[in-house]
Amino acid sequence: CTDNLKIKPIYNFLDHFVAQEYYGYSDKKIPTGKKFIKQ
């Protein structure tokens, strides 16, 4: 439960936040794979 309800949502959000705030990502689809966190 901790992994699925706390950890995964936060890091999924963080990847999307970084994509939007730092790389101009504007797609409505939430990115996957933590590509933007790694970048």
PDB file of all heavy atoms in Angstrom:
ATOM      1  N   CYS A   1       0.821  -1.210   0.000  1.00  0.00           N
ATOM      2  CA  CYS A   1       0.000   0.000   0.000  1.00  0.00           C
ATOM      3  C   CYS A   1       0.856   1.260   0.000  1.00  0.00           C
ATOM      4  O   CYS A   1       0.544   2.238  -0.688  1.00  0.00           O
ATOM      5  CB  CYS A   1      -0.956  -0.010   1.184  1.00  0.00           C
ATOM      6  SG  CYS A   1      -0.166  -0.301   2.777  1.00  0.00           S
ATOM      7  N   THR A   2       1.931   1.275   0.769  1.00  0.00           N
ATOM      8  CA  THR A   2       2.796   2.455   0.818  1.00  0.00           C
ATOM      9  C   THR A   2       3.376   2.766  -0.551  1.00  0.00           C
ATOM     10  O   THR A   2       3.392   3.917  -0.998  1.00  0.00           O
ATOM     11  CB  THR A   2       3.927   2.248   1.835  1.00  0.00           C
ATOM     12  OG1 THR A   2       3.364   2.049   3.133  1.00  0.00           O
ATOM     13  CG2 THR A   2       4.861   3.453   1.870  1.00  0.00           C
ATOM     14  N   ASP A   3       3.839   1.741  -1.239  1.00  0.00           N
ATOM     15  CA  ASP A   3       4.431   1.927  -2.562  1.00  0.00           C
ATOM     16  C   ASP A   3       3.398   2.463  -3.550  1.00  0.00           C
ATOM     17  O   ASP A   3       3.668   3.410  -4.297  1.00  0.00           O
ATOM     18  CB  ASP A   3       5.011   0.602  -3.053  1.00  0.00           C
ATOM     19  CG  ASP A   3       5.691   0.731  -4.397  1.00  0.00           C
ATOM     20  OD1 ASP A   3       6.452   1.701  -4.580  1.00  0.00           O
ATOM     21  OD2 ASP A   3       5.483  -0.132  -5.270  1.00  0.00           O
ATOM     22  N   ASN A   4       2.197   1.880  -3.529  1.00  0.00           N
ATOM     23  CA  ASN A   4       1.195   2.220  -4.537  1.00  0.00           C
ATOM     24  C   ASN A   4       0.421   3.498  -4.239  1.00  0.00           C
ATOM     25  O   ASN A   4      -0.021   4.178  -5.170  1.00  0.00           O
ATOM     26  CB  ASN A   4       0.217   1.056  -4.704  1.00  0.00           C
ATOM     27  CG  ASN A   4       0.819  -0.097  -5.471  1.00  0.00           C
ATOM     28  OD1 ASN A   4       1.048  -0.006  -6.671  1.00  0.00           O
ATOM     29  ND2 ASN A   4       1.101  -1.200  -4.790  1.00  0.00           N
ATOM     30  N   LEU A   5       0.249   3.818  -2.972  1.00  0.00           N
ATOM     31  CA  LEU A   5      -0.578   4.970  -2.620  1.00  0.00           C
ATOM     32  C   LEU A   5       0.224   6.207  -2.225  1.00  0.00           C
ATOM     33  O   LEU A   5      -0.323   7.304  -2.174  1.00  0.00           O
ATOM     34  CB  LEU A   5      -1.527   4.602  -1.479  1.00  0.00           C
ATOM     35  CG  LEU A   5      -2.621   3.606  -1.841  1.00  0.00           C
ATOM     36  CD1 LEU A   5      -3.406   3.190  -0.598  1.00  0.00           C
ATOM     37  CD2 LEU A   5      -3.567   4.172  -2.897  1.00  0.00           C
ATOM     38  N   LYS A   6       1.498   6.042  -1.936  1.00  0.00           N
ATOM     39  CA  LYS A   6       2.309   7.188  -1.533  1.00  0.00           C
ATOM     40  C   LYS A   6       3.506   7.414  -2.460  1.00  0.00           C
ATOM     41  O   LYS A   6       3.679   8.482  -3.038  1.00  0.00           O
ATOM     42  CB  LYS A   6       2.785   7.009  -0.074  1.00  0.00           C
ATOM     43  CG  LYS A   6       1.669   7.098   0.956  1.00  0.00           C
ATOM     44  CD  LYS A   6       2.210   6.891   2.351  1.00  0.00           C
ATOM     45  CE  LYS A   6       1.125   7.050   3.411  1.00  0.00           C
ATOM     46  NZ  LYS A   6       0.707   8.445   3.608  1.00  0.00           N
ATOM     47  N   ILE A   7       4.342   6.381  -2.601  1.00  0.00           N
ATOM     48  CA  ILE A   7       5.595   6.563  -3.329  1.00  0.00           C
ATOM     49  C   ILE A   7       5.366   6.734  -4.827  1.00  0.00           C
ATOM     50  O   ILE A   7       5.831   7.708  -5.446  1.00  0.00           O
ATOM     51  CB  ILE A   7       6.543   5.386  -3.054  1.00  0.00           C
ATOM     52  CG1 ILE A   7       6.873   5.320  -1.565  1.00  0.00           C
ATOM     53  CG2 ILE A   7       7.820   5.529  -3.872  1.00  0.00           C
ATOM     54  CD1 ILE A   7       7.632   4.081  -1.143  1.00  0.00           C
ATOM     55  N   LYS A   8       4.663   5.800  -5.446  1.00  0.00           N
ATOM     56  CA  LYS A   8       4.450   5.886  -6.901  1.00  0.00           C
ATOM     57  C   LYS A   8       3.731   7.157  -7.322  1.00  0.00           C
ATOM     58  O   LYS A   8       4.162   7.823  -8.287  1.00  0.00           O
ATOM     59  CB  LYS A   8       3.709   4.644  -7.392  1.00  0.00           C
ATOM     60  CG  LYS A   8       4.565   3.389  -7.448  1.00  0.00           C
ATOM     61  CD  LYS A   8       3.769   2.201  -7.949  1.00  0.00           C
ATOM     62  CE  LYS A   8       4.650   0.949  -8.012  1.00  0.00           C
ATOM     63  NZ  LYS A   8       3.873  -0.254  -8.420  1.00  0.00           N
ATOM     64  N   PRO A   9       2.641   7.547  -6.655  1.00  0.00           N
ATOM     65  CA  PRO A   9       1.973   8.785  -7.084  1.00  0.00           C
ATOM     66  C   PRO A   9       2.874  10.012  -7.004  1.00  0.00           C
ATOM     67  O   PRO A   9       2.840  10.873  -7.893  1.00  0.00           O
ATOM     68  CB  PRO A   9       0.793   8.890  -6.113  1.00  0.00           C
ATOM     69  CG  PRO A   9       0.512   7.491  -5.696  1.00  0.00           C
ATOM     70  CD  PRO A   9       1.856   6.830  -5.626  1.00  0.00           C
ATOM     71  N   ILE A  10       3.680  10.102  -5.946  1.00  0.00           N
ATOM     72  CA  ILE A  10       4.543  11.275  -5.800  1.00  0.00           C
ATOM     73  C   ILE A  10       5.574  11.341  -6.919  1.00  0.00           C
ATOM     74  O   ILE A  10       5.790  12.406  -7.526  1.00  0.00           O
ATOM     75  CB  ILE A  10       5.225  11.273  -4.417  1.00  0.00           C
ATOM     76  CG1 ILE A  10       4.208  11.633  -3.331  1.00  0.00           C
ATOM     77  CG2 ILE A  10       6.407  12.255  -4.390  1.00  0.00           C
ATOM     78  CD1 ILE A  10       4.758  11.605  -1.920  1.00  0.00           C
ATOM     79  N   TYR A  11       6.205  10.226  -7.243  1.00  0.00           N
ATOM     80  CA  TYR A  11       7.231  10.255  -8.287  1.00  0.00           C
ATOM     81  C   TYR A  11       6.631  10.341  -9.683  1.00  0.00           C
ATOM     82  O   TYR A  11       7.248  10.913 -10.594  1.00  0.00           O
ATOM     83  CB  TYR A  11       8.172   9.064  -8.139  1.00  0.00           C
ATOM     84  CG  TYR A  11       9.140   9.254  -6.993  1.00  0.00           C
ATOM     85  CD1 TYR A  11       8.998   8.563  -5.794  1.00  0.00           C
ATOM     86  CD2 TYR A  11      10.188  10.166  -7.089  1.00  0.00           C
ATOM     87  CE1 TYR A  11       9.862   8.764  -4.733  1.00  0.00           C
ATOM     88  CE2 TYR A  11      11.062  10.378  -6.037  1.00  0.00           C
ATOM     89  CZ  TYR A  11      10.891   9.673  -4.859  1.00  0.00           C
ATOM     90  OH  TYR A  11      11.748   9.894  -3.804  1.00  0.00           O
ATOM     91  N   ASN A  12       5.426   9.798  -9.878  1.00  0.00           N
ATOM     92  CA  ASN A  12       4.737   9.997 -11.152  1.00  0.00           C
ATOM     93  C   ASN A  12       4.409  11.470 -11.346  1.00  0.00           C
ATOM     94  O   ASN A  12       4.578  12.028 -12.437  1.00  0.00           O
ATOM     95  CB  ASN A  12       3.455   9.169 -11.202  1.00  0.00           C
ATOM     96  CG  ASN A  12       3.713   7.684 -11.351  1.00  0.00           C
ATOM     97  OD1 ASN A  12       4.790   7.264 -11.771  1.00  0.00           O
ATOM     98  ND2 ASN A  12       2.742   6.866 -10.995  1.00  0.00           N
ATOM     99  N   PHE A  13       3.927  12.094 -10.275  1.00  0.00           N
ATOM    100  CA  PHE A  13       3.655  13.537 -10.339  1.00  0.00           C
ATOM    101  C   PHE A  13       4.933  14.316 -10.594  1.00  0.00           C
ATOM    102  O   PHE A  13       4.961  15.245 -11.403  1.00  0.00           O
ATOM    103  CB  PHE A  13       3.020  14.017  -9.038  1.00  0.00           C
ATOM    104  CG  PHE A  13       3.163  15.499  -8.834  1.00  0.00           C
ATOM    105  CD1 PHE A  13       2.320  16.393  -9.477  1.00  0.00           C
ATOM    106  CD2 PHE A  13       4.182  16.016  -8.034  1.00  0.00           C
ATOM    107  CE1 PHE A  13       2.477  17.762  -9.318  1.00  0.00           C
ATOM    108  CE2 PHE A  13       4.343  17.379  -7.869  1.00  0.00           C
ATOM    109  CZ  PHE A  13       3.480  18.262  -8.513  1.00  0.00           C
ATOM    110  N   LEU A  14       6.000  13.958  -9.887  1.00  0.00           N
ATOM    111  CA  LEU A  14       7.250  14.712  -9.989  1.00  0.00           C
ATOM    112  C   LEU A  14       7.791  14.684 -11.419  1.00  0.00           C
ATOM    113  O   LEU A  14       8.288  15.702 -11.916  1.00  0.00           O
ATOM    114  CB  LEU A  14       8.274  14.149  -9.013  1.00  0.00           C
ATOM    115  CG  LEU A  14       9.591  14.919  -8.874  1.00  0.00           C
ATOM    116  CD1 LEU A  14       9.333  16.361  -8.486  1.00  0.00           C
ATOM    117  CD2 LEU A  14      10.491  14.238  -7.850  1.00  0.00           C
ATOM    118  N   ASP A  15       7.689  13.547 -12.084  1.00  0.00           N
ATOM    119  CA  ASP A  15       8.132  13.461 -13.473  1.00  0.00           C
ATOM    120  C   ASP A  15       7.333  14.419 -14.350  1.00  0.00           C
ATOM    121  O   ASP A  15       7.890  15.108 -15.216  1.00  0.00           O
ATOM    122  CB  ASP A  15       7.984  12.025 -13.977  1.00  0.00           C
ATOM    123  CG  ASP A  15       8.738  11.771 -15.263  1.00  0.00           C
ATOM    124  OD1 ASP A  15       9.895  12.226 -15.385  1.00  0.00           O
ATOM    125  OD2 ASP A  15       8.168  11.111 -16.162  1.00  0.00           O
ATOM    126  N   HIS A  16       6.027  14.487 -14.111  1.00  0.00           N
ATOM    127  CA  HIS A  16       5.161  15.373 -14.889  1.00  0.00           C
ATOM    128  C   HIS A  16       5.452  16.841 -14.558  1.00  0.00           C
ATOM    129  O   HIS A  16       5.508  17.697 -15.451  1.00  0.00           O
ATOM    130  CB  HIS A  16       3.694  15.050 -14.580  1.00  0.00           C
ATOM    131  CG  HIS A  16       2.733  15.613 -15.575  1.00  0.00           C
ATOM    132  ND1 HIS A  16       1.369  15.589 -15.400  1.00  0.00           N
ATOM    133  CD2 HIS A  16       2.931  16.240 -16.769  1.00  0.00           C
ATOM    134  CE1 HIS A  16       0.774  16.155 -16.434  1.00  0.00           C
ATOM    135  NE2 HIS A  16       1.697  16.566 -17.273  1.00  0.00           N
ATOM    136  N   PHE A  17       5.662  17.135 -13.281  1.00  0.00           N
ATOM    137  CA  PHE A  17       5.975  18.504 -12.858  1.00  0.00           C
ATOM    138  C   PHE A  17       7.259  18.989 -13.512  1.00  0.00           C
ATOM    139  O   PHE A  17       7.324  20.103 -14.044  1.00  0.00           O
ATOM    140  CB  PHE A  17       6.102  18.550 -11.326  1.00  0.00           C
ATOM    141  CG  PHE A  17       6.537  19.882 -10.788  1.00  0.00           C
ATOM    142  CD1 PHE A  17       5.610  20.883 -10.564  1.00  0.00           C
ATOM    143  CD2 PHE A  17       7.878  20.140 -10.511  1.00  0.00           C
ATOM    144  CE1 PHE A  17       6.010  22.129 -10.068  1.00  0.00           C
ATOM    145  CE2 PHE A  17       8.286  21.367 -10.014  1.00  0.00           C
ATOM    146  CZ  PHE A  17       7.351  22.373  -9.799  1.00  0.00           C
ATOM    147  N   VAL A  18       8.295  18.159 -13.466  1.00  0.00           N
ATOM    148  CA  VAL A  18       9.578  18.522 -14.074  1.00  0.00           C
ATOM    149  C   VAL A  18       9.412  18.723 -15.579  1.00  0.00           C
ATOM    150  O   VAL A  18       9.964  19.669 -16.163  1.00  0.00           O
ATOM    151  CB  VAL A  18      10.639  17.445 -13.774  1.00  0.00           C
ATOM    152  CG1 VAL A  18      11.886  17.654 -14.635  1.00  0.00           C
ATOM    153  CG2 VAL A  18      11.014  17.467 -12.296  1.00  0.00           C
ATOM    154  N   ALA A  19       8.633  17.849 -16.202  1.00  0.00           N
ATOM    155  CA  ALA A  19       8.404  17.958 -17.643  1.00  0.00           C
ATOM    156  C   ALA A  19       7.774  19.302 -17.998  1.00  0.00           C
ATOM    157  O   ALA A  19       8.190  19.969 -18.957  1.00  0.00           O
ATOM    158  CB  ALA A  19       7.502  16.816 -18.109  1.00  0.00           C
ATOM    159  N   GLN A  20       6.784  19.717 -17.209  1.00  0.00           N
ATOM    160  CA  GLN A  20       6.079  20.962 -17.496  1.00  0.00           C
ATOM    161  C   GLN A  20       6.898  22.199 -17.124  1.00  0.00           C
ATOM    162  O   GLN A  20       6.966  23.160 -17.897  1.00  0.00           O
ATOM    163  CB  GLN A  20       4.751  20.983 -16.733  1.00  0.00           C
ATOM    164  CG  GLN A  20       3.745  19.948 -17.210  1.00  0.00           C
ATOM    165  CD  GLN A  20       2.498  19.919 -16.343  1.00  0.00           C
ATOM    166  OE1 GLN A  20       2.568  19.920 -15.113  1.00  0.00           O
ATOM    167  NE2 GLN A  20       1.338  19.889 -16.977  1.00  0.00           N
ATOM    168  N   GLU A  21       7.510  22.160 -15.957  1.00  0.00           N
ATOM    169  CA  GLU A  21       8.176  23.346 -15.431  1.00  0.00           C
ATOM    170  C   GLU A  21       9.555  23.592 -16.045  1.00  0.00           C
ATOM    171  O   GLU A  21       9.991  24.743 -16.149  1.00  0.00           O
ATOM    172  CB  GLU A  21       8.322  23.234 -13.909  1.00  0.00           C
ATOM    173  CG  GLU A  21       7.006  23.230 -13.154  1.00  0.00           C
ATOM    174  CD  GLU A  21       6.263  24.542 -13.282  1.00  0.00           C
ATOM    175  OE1 GLU A  21       6.927  25.591 -13.208  1.00  0.00           O
ATOM    176  OE2 GLU A  21       5.028  24.509 -13.455  1.00  0.00           O
ATOM    177  N   TYR A  22      10.235  22.530 -16.454  1.00  0.00           N
ATOM    178  CA  TYR A  22      11.621  22.677 -16.902  1.00  0.00           C
ATOM    179  C   TYR A  22      11.830  22.347 -18.383  1.00  0.00           C
ATOM    180  O   TYR A  22      12.842  22.737 -18.957  1.00  0.00           O
ATOM    181  CB  TYR A  22      12.550  21.807 -16.057  1.00  0.00           C
ATOM    182  CG  TYR A  22      12.633  22.244 -14.615  1.00  0.00           C
ATOM    183  CD1 TYR A  22      11.736  21.761 -13.672  1.00  0.00           C
ATOM    184  CD2 TYR A  22      13.602  23.154 -14.197  1.00  0.00           C
ATOM    185  CE1 TYR A  22      11.799  22.170 -12.338  1.00  0.00           C
ATOM    186  CE2 TYR A  22      13.669  23.571 -12.872  1.00  0.00           C
ATOM    187  CZ  TYR A  22      12.762  23.073 -11.951  1.00  0.00           C
ATOM    188  OH  TYR A  22      12.828  23.481 -10.639  1.00  0.00           O
ATOM    189  N   TYR A  23      10.869  21.637 -18.987  1.00  0.00           N
ATOM    190  CA  TYR A  23      11.080  21.212 -20.375  1.00  0.00           C
ATOM    191  C   TYR A  23       9.910  21.557 -21.292  1.00  0.00           C
ATOM    192  O   TYR A  23       9.850  21.075 -22.420  1.00  0.00           O
ATOM    193  CB  TYR A  23      11.369  19.700 -20.418  1.00  0.00           C
ATOM    194  CG  TYR A  23      12.671  19.354 -19.724  1.00  0.00           C
ATOM    195  CD1 TYR A  23      12.677  18.857 -18.430  1.00  0.00           C
ATOM    196  CD2 TYR A  23      13.895  19.573 -20.351  1.00  0.00           C
ATOM    197  CE1 TYR A  23      13.868  18.565 -17.778  1.00  0.00           C
ATOM    198  CE2 TYR A  23      15.100  19.290 -19.714  1.00  0.00           C
ATOM    199  CZ  TYR A  23      15.073  18.791 -18.423  1.00  0.00           C
ATOM    200  OH  TYR A  23      16.260  18.511 -17.778  1.00  0.00           O
ATOM    201  N   GLY A  24       8.998  22.389 -20.831  1.00  0.00           N
ATOM    202  CA  GLY A  24       7.928  22.878 -21.680  1.00  0.00           C
ATOM    203  C   GLY A  24       6.956  21.820 -22.148  1.00  0.00           C
ATOM    204  O   GLY A  24       6.305  21.973 -23.194  1.00  0.00           O
ATOM    205  N   TYR A  25       6.814  20.744 -21.407  1.00  0.00           N
ATOM    206  CA  TYR A  25       5.911  19.652 -21.783  1.00  0.00           C
ATOM    207  C   TYR A  25       4.471  20.125 -21.649  1.00  0.00           C
ATOM    208  O   TYR A  25       4.054  20.614 -20.598  1.00  0.00           O
ATOM    209  CB  TYR A  25       6.150  18.452 -20.870  1.00  0.00           C
ATOM    210  CG  TYR A  25       5.381  17.204 -21.230  1.00  0.00           C
ATOM    211  CD1 TYR A  25       5.873  16.306 -22.175  1.00  0.00           C
ATOM    212  CD2 TYR A  25       4.178  16.902 -20.604  1.00  0.00           C
ATOM    213  CE1 TYR A  25       5.185  15.149 -22.488  1.00  0.00           C
ATOM    214  CE2 TYR A  25       3.482  15.750 -20.904  1.00  0.00           C
ATOM    215  CZ  TYR A  25       3.986  14.878 -21.845  1.00  0.00           C
ATOM    216  OH  TYR A  25       3.295  13.724 -22.153  1.00  0.00           O
ATOM    217  N   SER A  26       3.683  19.984 -22.709  1.00  0.00           N
ATOM    218  CA  SER A  26       2.303  20.462 -22.692  1.00  0.00           C
ATOM    219  C   SER A  26       1.301  19.401 -23.119  1.00  0.00           C
ATOM    220  O   SER A  26       0.099  19.672 -23.189  1.00  0.00           O
ATOM    221  CB  SER A  26       2.162  21.685 -23.613  1.00  0.00           C
ATOM    222  OG  SER A  26       2.540  21.356 -24.948  1.00  0.00           O
ATOM    223  N   ASP A  27       1.772  18.195 -23.361  1.00  0.00           N
ATOM    224  CA  ASP A  27       0.876  17.109 -23.751  1.00  0.00           C
ATOM    225  C   ASP A  27      -0.077  16.787 -22.601  1.00  0.00           C
ATOM    226  O   ASP A  27       0.307  16.811 -21.426  1.00  0.00           O
ATOM    227  CB  ASP A  27       1.709  15.868 -24.098  1.00  0.00           C
ATOM    228  CG  ASP A  27       0.919  14.838 -24.882  1.00  0.00           C
ATOM    229  OD1 ASP A  27      -0.258  14.594 -24.534  1.00  0.00           O
ATOM    230  OD2 ASP A  27       1.477  14.270 -25.846  1.00  0.00           O
ATOM    231  N   LYS A  28      -1.331  16.497 -22.925  1.00  0.00           N
ATOM    232  CA  LYS A  28      -2.304  16.151 -21.884  1.00  0.00           C
ATOM    233  C   LYS A  28      -2.001  14.795 -21.255  1.00  0.00           C
ATOM    234  O   LYS A  28      -2.411  14.522 -20.127  1.00  0.00           O
ATOM    235  CB  LYS A  28      -3.716  16.150 -22.469  1.00  0.00           C
ATOM    236  CG  LYS A  28      -4.217  17.528 -22.875  1.00  0.00           C
ATOM    237  CD  LYS A  28      -5.646  17.458 -23.385  1.00  0.00           C
ATOM    238  CE  LYS A  28      -6.156  18.845 -23.759  1.00  0.00           C
ATOM    239  NZ  LYS A  28      -7.557  18.801 -24.267  1.00  0.00           N
ATOM    240  N   LYS A  29      -1.290  13.958 -21.990  1.00  0.00           N
ATOM    241  CA  LYS A  29      -0.952  12.629 -21.488  1.00  0.00           C
ATOM    242  C   LYS A  29       0.169  12.737 -20.460  1.00  0.00           C
ATOM    243  O   LYS A  29       1.193  13.382 -20.692  1.00  0.00           O
ATOM    244  CB  LYS A  29      -0.518  11.726 -22.649  1.00  0.00           C
ATOM    245  CG  LYS A  29      -0.234  10.291 -22.239  1.00  0.00           C
ATOM    246  CD  LYS A  29       0.145   9.442 -23.451  1.00  0.00           C
ATOM    247  CE  LYS A  29       0.430   8.009 -23.024  1.00  0.00           C
ATOM    248  NZ  LYS A  29       0.816   7.169 -24.206  1.00  0.00           N
ATOM    249  N   ILE A  30      -0.013  12.078 -19.317  1.00  0.00           N
ATOM    250  CA  ILE A  30       1.007  12.085 -18.275  1.00  0.00           C
ATOM    251  C   ILE A  30       2.197  11.250 -18.739  1.00  0.00           C
ATOM    252  O   ILE A  30       2.031  10.109 -19.171  1.00  0.00           O
ATOM    253  CB  ILE A  30       0.440  11.519 -16.959  1.00  0.00           C
ATOM    254  CG1 ILE A  30      -0.673  12.438 -16.430  1.00  0.00           C
ATOM    255  CG2 ILE A  30       1.539  11.362 -15.910  1.00  0.00           C
ATOM    256  CD1 ILE A  30      -1.387  11.903 -15.216  1.00  0.00           C
ATOM    257  N   PRO A  31       3.410  11.792 -18.675  1.00  0.00           N
ATOM    258  CA  PRO A  31       4.577  11.034 -19.145  1.00  0.00           C
ATOM    259  C   PRO A  31       4.839   9.813 -18.267  1.00  0.00           C
ATOM    260  O   PRO A  31       4.444   9.761 -17.098  1.00  0.00           O
ATOM    261  CB  PRO A  31       5.725  12.047 -19.042  1.00  0.00           C
ATOM    262  CG  PRO A  31       5.264  13.042 -18.031  1.00  0.00           C
ATOM    263  CD  PRO A  31       3.777  13.135 -18.171  1.00  0.00           C
ATOM    264  N   THR A  32       5.507   8.845 -18.844  1.00  0.00           N
ATOM    265  CA  THR A  32       5.845   7.618 -18.118  1.00  0.00           C
ATOM    266  C   THR A  32       7.344   7.355 -18.224  1.00  0.00           C
ATOM    267  O   THR A  32       8.031   7.950 -19.049  1.00  0.00           O
ATOM    268  CB  THR A  32       5.083   6.406 -18.691  1.00  0.00           C
ATOM    269  OG1 THR A  32       5.420   6.255 -20.085  1.00  0.00           O
ATOM    270  CG2 THR A  32       3.586   6.580 -18.554  1.00  0.00           C
ATOM    271  N   GLY A  33       7.827   6.463 -17.380  1.00  0.00           N
ATOM    272  CA  GLY A  33       9.213   6.046 -17.481  1.00  0.00           C
ATOM    273  C   GLY A  33      10.224   6.917 -16.772  1.00  0.00           C
ATOM    274  O   GLY A  33      11.427   6.659 -16.832  1.00  0.00           O
ATOM    275  N   LYS A  34       9.759   7.979 -16.100  1.00  0.00           N
ATOM    276  CA  LYS A  34      10.636   8.894 -15.359  1.00  0.00           C
ATOM    277  C   LYS A  34      11.690   9.543 -16.265  1.00  0.00           C
ATOM    278  O   LYS A  34      12.775   9.900 -15.838  1.00  0.00           O
ATOM    279  CB  LYS A  34      11.326   8.170 -14.196  1.00  0.00           C
ATOM    280  CG  LYS A  34      10.365   7.401 -13.287  1.00  0.00           C
ATOM    281  CD  LYS A  34       9.319   8.302 -12.683  1.00  0.00           C
ATOM    282  CE  LYS A  34       8.367   7.557 -11.751  1.00  0.00           C
ATOM    283  NZ  LYS A  34       7.510   6.575 -12.448  1.00  0.00           N
ATOM    284  N   LYS A  35      11.331   9.697 -17.543  1.00  0.00           N
ATOM    285  CA  LYS A  35      12.266  10.258 -18.514  1.00  0.00           C
ATOM    286  C   LYS A  35      12.711  11.668 -18.126  1.00  0.00           C
ATOM    287  O   LYS A  35      13.889  12.014 -18.236  1.00  0.00           O
ATOM    288  CB  LYS A  35      11.618  10.286 -19.901  1.00  0.00           C
ATOM    289  CG  LYS A  35      12.519  10.856 -20.982  1.00  0.00           C
ATOM    290  CD  LYS A  35      11.858  10.810 -22.355  1.00  0.00           C
ATOM    291  CE  LYS A  35      10.822  11.887 -22.508  1.00  0.00           C
ATOM    292  NZ  LYS A  35      10.315  11.983 -23.910  1.00  0.00           N
ATOM    293  N   PHE A  36      11.781  12.479 -17.662  1.00  0.00           N
ATOM    294  CA  PHE A  36      12.112  13.872 -17.384  1.00  0.00           C
ATOM    295  C   PHE A  36      12.863  14.018 -16.062  1.00  0.00           C
ATOM    296  O   PHE A  36      13.712  14.902 -15.925  1.00  0.00           O
ATOM    297  CB  PHE A  36      10.846  14.720 -17.399  1.00  0.00           C
ATOM    298  CG  PHE A  36      10.250  14.845 -18.770  1.00  0.00           C
ATOM    299  CD1 PHE A  36       9.187  14.043 -19.165  1.00  0.00           C
ATOM    300  CD2 PHE A  36      10.781  15.745 -19.686  1.00  0.00           C
ATOM    301  CE1 PHE A  36       8.654  14.144 -20.445  1.00  0.00           C
ATOM    302  CE2 PHE A  36      10.242  15.862 -20.975  1.00  0.00           C
ATOM    303  CZ  PHE A  36       9.185  15.052 -21.351  1.00  0.00           C
ATOM    304  N   ILE A  37      12.573  13.171 -15.105  1.00  0.00           N
ATOM    305  CA  ILE A  37      13.357  13.169 -13.873  1.00  0.00           C
ATOM    306  C   ILE A  37      14.807  12.830 -14.183  1.00  0.00           C
ATOM    307  O   ILE A  37      15.744  13.477 -13.689  1.00  0.00           O
ATOM    308  CB  ILE A  37      12.769  12.173 -12.842  1.00  0.00           C
ATOM    309  CG1 ILE A  37      11.456  12.708 -12.268  1.00  0.00           C
ATOM    310  CG2 ILE A  37      13.767  11.900 -11.716  1.00  0.00           C
ATOM    311  CD1 ILE A  37      10.792  11.777 -11.272  1.00  0.00           C
ATOM    312  N   LYS A  38      15.007  11.808 -15.011  1.00  0.00           N
ATOM    313  CA  LYS A  38      16.367  11.408 -15.386  1.00  0.00           C
ATOM    314  C   LYS A  38      17.067  12.490 -16.186  1.00  0.00           C
ATOM    315  O   LYS A  38      18.264  12.741 -16.000  1.00  0.00           O
ATOM    316  CB  LYS A  38      16.314  10.087 -16.169  1.00  0.00           C
ATOM    317  CG  LYS A  38      15.907   8.892 -15.324  1.00  0.00           C
ATOM    318  CD  LYS A  38      15.957   7.586 -16.094  1.00  0.00           C
ATOM    319  CE  LYS A  38      14.788   7.438 -17.045  1.00  0.00           C
ATOM    320  NZ  LYS A  38      14.718   6.081 -17.650  1.00  0.00           N
ATOM    321  N   GLN A  39      16.325  13.160 -17.056  1.00  0.00           N
ATOM    322  CA  GLN A  39      16.925  14.221 -17.851  1.00  0.00           C
ATOM    323  C   GLN A  39      17.301  15.404 -16.975  1.00  0.00           C
ATOM    324  O   GLN A  39      18.360  16.025 -17.167  1.00  0.00           O
ATOM    325  CB  GLN A  39      15.954  14.673 -18.946  1.00  0.00           C
ATOM    326  CG  GLN A  39      16.558  15.646 -19.961  1.00  0.00           C
ATOM    327  CD  GLN A  39      17.719  15.030 -20.728  1.00  0.00           C
ATOM    328  OE1 GLN A  39      17.596  13.907 -21.237  1.00  0.00           O
ATOM    329  NE2 GLN A  39      18.829  15.750 -20.825  1.00  0.00           N
TER     330      GLN A  39
END
